[in-house]
Amino acid sequence: MALTHFDASGAAHMVDVSDKDVTDRIAMAETWIKMNPETLDIITEGRAKKGDVIGVARLAGIMGAKQTSTLIPLCHPLPITKVSVEIDPDADLPGLRITATVKTTGQTGVEMEALTAASTAALTVYDMAKAVDKGMEIGGLRVRLKDGGKSGRYEAP
């Protein structure tokens, strides 16, 4: 199987999707951000000096999904029909688990938009809480679900 973003001579190019069918497409991506338990308490109790960390991170994730084609050079600008970002505290981590879901009806998938939404949300949490916890760690970024289009459904194991 060849990489689709390179032509026969090895030069990077945007994939031509004009012959692909227009179908409903969905992608879910997830990541986590680990932090000190005290930092998690500050966030969940609404005591962060910069404000509502989870609310702002959710909005940042939505905005990130909409900006994907300006951030990732070979991504197509897509008519996104839905973006949702769920951010759930996890005391066992300790930290926050982030899940982004993106939908479109189009000729190419929205995996990159979901990944961008999840990572932008995590980076926003870091930005808003770094004053109290510079050692936060972001990880586990992956596509959990992708459906629609010629390649069909993918679910992470």
C-alpha atoms as a PDB file:
ATOM      1  CA  MET A   1       0.000   0.000   0.000  1.00  0.00           C
ATOM      2  CA  ALA A   2       1.438   3.383  -1.026  1.00  0.00           C
ATOM      3  CA  LEU A   3       1.186   6.648   0.868  1.00  0.00           C
ATOM      4  CA  THR A   4      -1.441   8.812  -0.807  1.00  0.00           C
ATOM      5  CA  HIS A   5       0.130  12.223  -0.189  1.00  0.00           C
ATOM      6  CA  PHE A   6       3.113  11.643  -2.501  1.00  0.00           C
ATOM      7  CA  ASP A   7       3.192  11.513  -6.277  1.00  0.00           C
ATOM      8  CA  ALA A   8       5.244   9.065  -8.372  1.00  0.00           C
ATOM      9  CA  SER A   9       8.362  11.204  -8.008  1.00  0.00           C
ATOM     10  CA  GLY A  10       8.007  11.469  -4.219  1.00  0.00           C
ATOM     11  CA  ALA A  11       6.771  15.069  -4.096  1.00  0.00           C
ATOM     12  CA  ALA A  12       4.076  15.897  -1.550  1.00  0.00           C
ATOM     13  CA  HIS A  13       0.680  16.799  -2.995  1.00  0.00           C
ATOM     14  CA  MET A  14      -2.937  17.181  -1.980  1.00  0.00           C
ATOM     15  CA  VAL A  15      -4.924  14.042  -2.783  1.00  0.00           C
ATOM     16  CA  ASP A  16      -7.522  14.464  -5.548  1.00  0.00           C
ATOM     17  CA  VAL A  17     -10.849  13.414  -4.025  1.00  0.00           C
ATOM     18  CA  SER A  18     -13.038  14.644  -6.891  1.00  0.00           C
ATOM     19  CA  ASP A  19     -13.929  11.092  -8.014  1.00  0.00           C
ATOM     20  CA  LYS A  20     -14.867   9.911  -4.521  1.00  0.00           C
ATOM     21  CA  ASP A  21     -18.498   9.514  -3.531  1.00  0.00           C
ATOM     22  CA  VAL A  22     -20.093  12.018  -1.177  1.00  0.00           C
ATOM     23  CA  THR A  23     -20.960  10.050   1.968  1.00  0.00           C
ATOM     24  CA  ASP A  24     -21.697  10.675   5.631  1.00  0.00           C
ATOM     25  CA  ARG A  25     -18.450  10.485   7.569  1.00  0.00           C
ATOM     26  CA  ILE A  26     -17.576  10.484  11.253  1.00  0.00           C
ATOM     27  CA  ALA A  27     -14.380  10.295  13.256  1.00  0.00           C
ATOM     28  CA  MET A  28     -13.689  10.158  16.978  1.00  0.00           C
ATOM     29  CA  ALA A  29     -10.290  10.881  18.475  1.00  0.00           C
ATOM     30  CA  GLU A  30      -9.109  10.730  22.049  1.00  0.00           C
ATOM     31  CA  THR A  31      -6.251  11.931  24.193  1.00  0.00           C
ATOM     32  CA  TRP A  32      -5.519  12.520  27.867  1.00  0.00           C
ATOM     33  CA  ILE A  33      -3.677  15.051  29.958  1.00  0.00           C
ATOM     34  CA  LYS A  34      -2.114  13.889  33.220  1.00  0.00           C
ATOM     35  CA  MET A  35      -1.573  16.323  36.056  1.00  0.00           C
ATOM     36  CA  ASN A  36      -1.035  16.512  39.777  1.00  0.00           C
ATOM     37  CA  PRO A  37      -4.156  15.581  41.778  1.00  0.00           C
ATOM     38  CA  GLU A  38      -4.166  19.110  43.219  1.00  0.00           C
ATOM     39  CA  THR A  39      -4.281  20.568  39.696  1.00  0.00           C
ATOM     40  CA  LEU A  40      -7.226  18.342  38.811  1.00  0.00           C
ATOM     41  CA  ASP A  41      -9.012  19.584  41.947  1.00  0.00           C
ATOM     42  CA  ILE A  42      -8.376  23.218  40.992  1.00  0.00           C
ATOM     43  CA  ILE A  43      -9.826  22.585  37.510  1.00  0.00           C
ATOM     44  CA  THR A  44     -12.865  20.566  38.586  1.00  0.00           C
ATOM     45  CA  GLU A  45     -13.692  22.924  41.451  1.00  0.00           C
ATOM     46  CA  GLY A  46     -13.502  25.985  39.168  1.00  0.00           C
ATOM     47  CA  ARG A  47     -10.626  27.612  41.045  1.00  0.00           C
ATOM     48  CA  ALA A  48      -8.269  28.211  38.090  1.00  0.00           C
ATOM     49  CA  LYS A  49      -7.185  31.833  37.818  1.00  0.00           C
ATOM     50  CA  LYS A  50      -7.788  31.868  34.057  1.00  0.00           C
ATOM     51  CA  GLY A  51     -11.404  30.703  34.449  1.00  0.00           C
ATOM     52  CA  ASP A  52     -13.428  27.672  33.351  1.00  0.00           C
ATOM     53  CA  VAL A  53     -10.657  25.395  32.058  1.00  0.00           C
ATOM     54  CA  ILE A  54     -12.941  22.635  30.796  1.00  0.00           C
ATOM     55  CA  GLY A  55     -15.371  25.029  29.098  1.00  0.00           C
ATOM     56  CA  VAL A  56     -12.624  26.994  27.369  1.00  0.00           C
ATOM     57  CA  ALA A  57     -10.820  23.795  26.317  1.00  0.00           C
ATOM     58  CA  ARG A  58     -14.053  22.445  24.823  1.00  0.00           C
ATOM     59  CA  LEU A  59     -14.484  25.618  22.740  1.00  0.00           C
ATOM     60  CA  ALA A  60     -10.816  25.536  21.717  1.00  0.00           C
ATOM     61  CA  GLY A  61     -11.238  21.951  20.508  1.00  0.00           C
ATOM     62  CA  ILE A  62     -14.247  22.928  18.405  1.00  0.00           C
ATOM     63  CA  MET A  63     -12.331  25.873  16.950  1.00  0.00           C
ATOM     64  CA  GLY A  64      -9.309  23.659  16.308  1.00  0.00           C
ATOM     65  CA  ALA A  65     -11.383  21.207  14.265  1.00  0.00           C
ATOM     66  CA  LYS A  66     -12.599  24.077  12.088  1.00  0.00           C
ATOM     67  CA  GLN A  67      -9.006  25.260  11.486  1.00  0.00           C
ATOM     68  CA  THR A  68      -7.474  21.894  10.569  1.00  0.00           C
ATOM     69  CA  SER A  69      -6.931  22.638   6.878  1.00  0.00           C
ATOM     70  CA  THR A  70      -5.041  25.828   7.751  1.00  0.00           C
ATOM     71  CA  LEU A  71      -2.771  23.951  10.191  1.00  0.00           C
ATOM     72  CA  ILE A  72      -2.101  20.693   8.322  1.00  0.00           C
ATOM     73  CA  PRO A  73      -0.758  21.531   4.839  1.00  0.00           C
ATOM     74  CA  LEU A  74      -2.372  18.744   2.784  1.00  0.00           C
ATOM     75  CA  CYS A  75      -5.785  18.568   4.489  1.00  0.00           C
ATOM     76  CA  HIS A  76      -8.835  19.565   2.493  1.00  0.00           C
ATOM     77  CA  PRO A  77     -11.100  22.299   3.883  1.00  0.00           C
ATOM     78  CA  LEU A  78     -14.299  20.462   4.774  1.00  0.00           C
ATOM     79  CA  PRO A  79     -17.907  21.441   5.466  1.00  0.00           C
ATOM     80  CA  ILE A  80     -18.013  20.179   9.046  1.00  0.00           C
ATOM     81  CA  THR A  81     -21.554  19.410  10.159  1.00  0.00           C
ATOM     82  CA  LYS A  82     -20.825  18.615  13.818  1.00  0.00           C
ATOM     83  CA  VAL A  83     -18.021  18.889  16.348  1.00  0.00           C
ATOM     84  CA  SER A  84     -18.358  17.792  19.943  1.00  0.00           C
ATOM     85  CA  VAL A  85     -15.634  17.675  22.571  1.00  0.00           C
ATOM     86  CA  GLU A  86     -16.168  15.769  25.789  1.00  0.00           C
ATOM     87  CA  ILE A  87     -13.758  16.372  28.663  1.00  0.00           C
ATOM     88  CA  ASP A  88     -14.058  14.051  31.633  1.00  0.00           C
ATOM     89  CA  PRO A  89     -12.095  14.153  34.888  1.00  0.00           C
ATOM     90  CA  ASP A  90     -10.344  10.891  35.772  1.00  0.00           C
ATOM     91  CA  ALA A  91      -8.944  10.741  39.302  1.00  0.00           C
ATOM     92  CA  ASP A  92      -7.114   7.494  38.494  1.00  0.00           C
ATOM     93  CA  LEU A  93      -5.058   9.179  35.745  1.00  0.00           C
ATOM     94  CA  PRO A  94      -5.046  11.759  37.458  1.00  0.00           C
ATOM     95  CA  GLY A  95      -6.180  14.229  34.834  1.00  0.00           C
ATOM     96  CA  LEU A  96      -8.676  14.716  32.050  1.00  0.00           C
ATOM     97  CA  ARG A  97      -9.762  12.382  29.260  1.00  0.00           C
ATOM     98  CA  ILE A  98     -10.743  14.171  26.052  1.00  0.00           C
ATOM     99  CA  THR A  99     -12.867  12.741  23.240  1.00  0.00           C
ATOM    100  CA  ALA A 100     -13.621  14.694  20.058  1.00  0.00           C
ATOM    101  CA  THR A 101     -16.249  13.676  17.515  1.00  0.00           C
ATOM    102  CA  VAL A 102     -16.458  15.289  14.081  1.00  0.00           C
ATOM    103  CA  LYS A 103     -19.002  14.692  11.305  1.00  0.00           C
ATOM    104  CA  THR A 104     -19.303  15.772   7.691  1.00  0.00           C
ATOM    105  CA  THR A 105     -20.989  14.776   4.479  1.00  0.00           C
ATOM    106  CA  GLY A 106     -18.288  14.877   1.868  1.00  0.00           C
ATOM    107  CA  GLN A 107     -15.644  13.181  -0.243  1.00  0.00           C
ATOM    108  CA  THR A 108     -12.975  12.705   2.418  1.00  0.00           C
ATOM    109  CA  GLY A 109     -12.889  11.792   6.083  1.00  0.00           C
ATOM    110  CA  VAL A 110     -12.611  13.889   9.222  1.00  0.00           C
ATOM    111  CA  GLU A 111      -9.954  11.977  11.160  1.00  0.00           C
ATOM    112  CA  MET A 112      -7.544  14.909  11.084  1.00  0.00           C
ATOM    113  CA  GLU A 113     -10.246  17.282  12.321  1.00  0.00           C
ATOM    114  CA  ALA A 114     -11.038  14.987  15.255  1.00  0.00           C
ATOM    115  CA  LEU A 115      -7.340  14.614  16.121  1.00  0.00           C
ATOM    116  CA  THR A 116      -6.863  18.381  15.902  1.00  0.00           C
ATOM    117  CA  ALA A 117      -9.886  19.013  18.122  1.00  0.00           C
ATOM    118  CA  ALA A 118      -8.669  16.609  20.815  1.00  0.00           C
ATOM    119  CA  SER A 119      -5.104  17.904  20.794  1.00  0.00           C
ATOM    120  CA  THR A 120      -6.158  21.570  20.770  1.00  0.00           C
ATOM    121  CA  ALA A 121      -8.384  20.946  23.784  1.00  0.00           C
ATOM    122  CA  ALA A 122      -5.511  19.255  25.638  1.00  0.00           C
ATOM    123  CA  LEU A 123      -3.092  22.066  24.777  1.00  0.00           C
ATOM    124  CA  THR A 124      -5.621  24.600  26.060  1.00  0.00           C
ATOM    125  CA  VAL A 125      -5.865  22.765  29.385  1.00  0.00           C
ATOM    126  CA  TYR A 126      -2.068  22.897  29.598  1.00  0.00           C
ATOM    127  CA  ASP A 127      -2.017  26.616  28.805  1.00  0.00           C
ATOM    128  CA  MET A 128      -4.666  27.442  31.382  1.00  0.00           C
ATOM    129  CA  ALA A 129      -3.158  25.354  34.198  1.00  0.00           C
ATOM    130  CA  LYS A 130       0.597  25.617  33.574  1.00  0.00           C
ATOM    131  CA  ALA A 131       0.972  28.273  36.264  1.00  0.00           C
ATOM    132  CA  VAL A 132       0.266  25.613  38.905  1.00  0.00           C
ATOM    133  CA  ASP A 133       1.563  22.474  37.136  1.00  0.00           C
ATOM    134  CA  LYS A 134       4.300  22.752  34.515  1.00  0.00           C
ATOM    135  CA  GLY A 135       4.801  18.963  34.582  1.00  0.00           C
ATOM    136  CA  MET A 136       1.482  18.052  32.940  1.00  0.00           C
ATOM    137  CA  GLU A 137       1.796  15.359  30.277  1.00  0.00           C
ATOM    138  CA  ILE A 138      -0.348  14.966  27.147  1.00  0.00           C
ATOM    139  CA  GLY A 139      -0.546  11.528  25.552  1.00  0.00           C
ATOM    140  CA  GLY A 140      -2.549   8.751  23.984  1.00  0.00           C
ATOM    141  CA  LEU A 141      -3.662  10.795  20.977  1.00  0.00           C
ATOM    142  CA  ARG A 142      -5.328   8.426  18.508  1.00  0.00           C
ATOM    143  CA  VAL A 143      -8.286   7.860  16.223  1.00  0.00           C
ATOM    144  CA  ARG A 144     -10.739   5.688  18.113  1.00  0.00           C
ATOM    145  CA  LEU A 145     -13.384   5.460  15.371  1.00  0.00           C
ATOM    146  CA  LYS A 146     -13.659   6.322  11.694  1.00  0.00           C
ATOM    147  CA  ASP A 147     -16.627   5.497   9.499  1.00  0.00           C
ATOM    148  CA  GLY A 148     -17.878   6.375   6.034  1.00  0.00           C
ATOM    149  CA  GLY A 149     -16.273   6.380   2.644  1.00  0.00           C
ATOM    150  CA  LYS A 150     -14.686   3.661   0.557  1.00  0.00           C
ATOM    151  CA  SER A 151     -12.439   2.250   3.276  1.00  0.00           C
ATOM    152  CA  GLY A 152     -15.391   1.659   5.607  1.00  0.00           C
ATOM    153  CA  ARG A 153     -15.373   1.456   9.384  1.00  0.00           C
ATOM    154  CA  TYR A 154     -12.313   1.436  11.622  1.00  0.00           C
ATOM    155  CA  GLU A 155     -12.473   1.018  15.389  1.00  0.00           C
ATOM    156  CA  ALA A 156      -9.355   1.066  17.532  1.00  0.00           C
ATOM    157  CA  PRO A 157      -8.755  -2.170  19.441  1.00  0.00           C
END
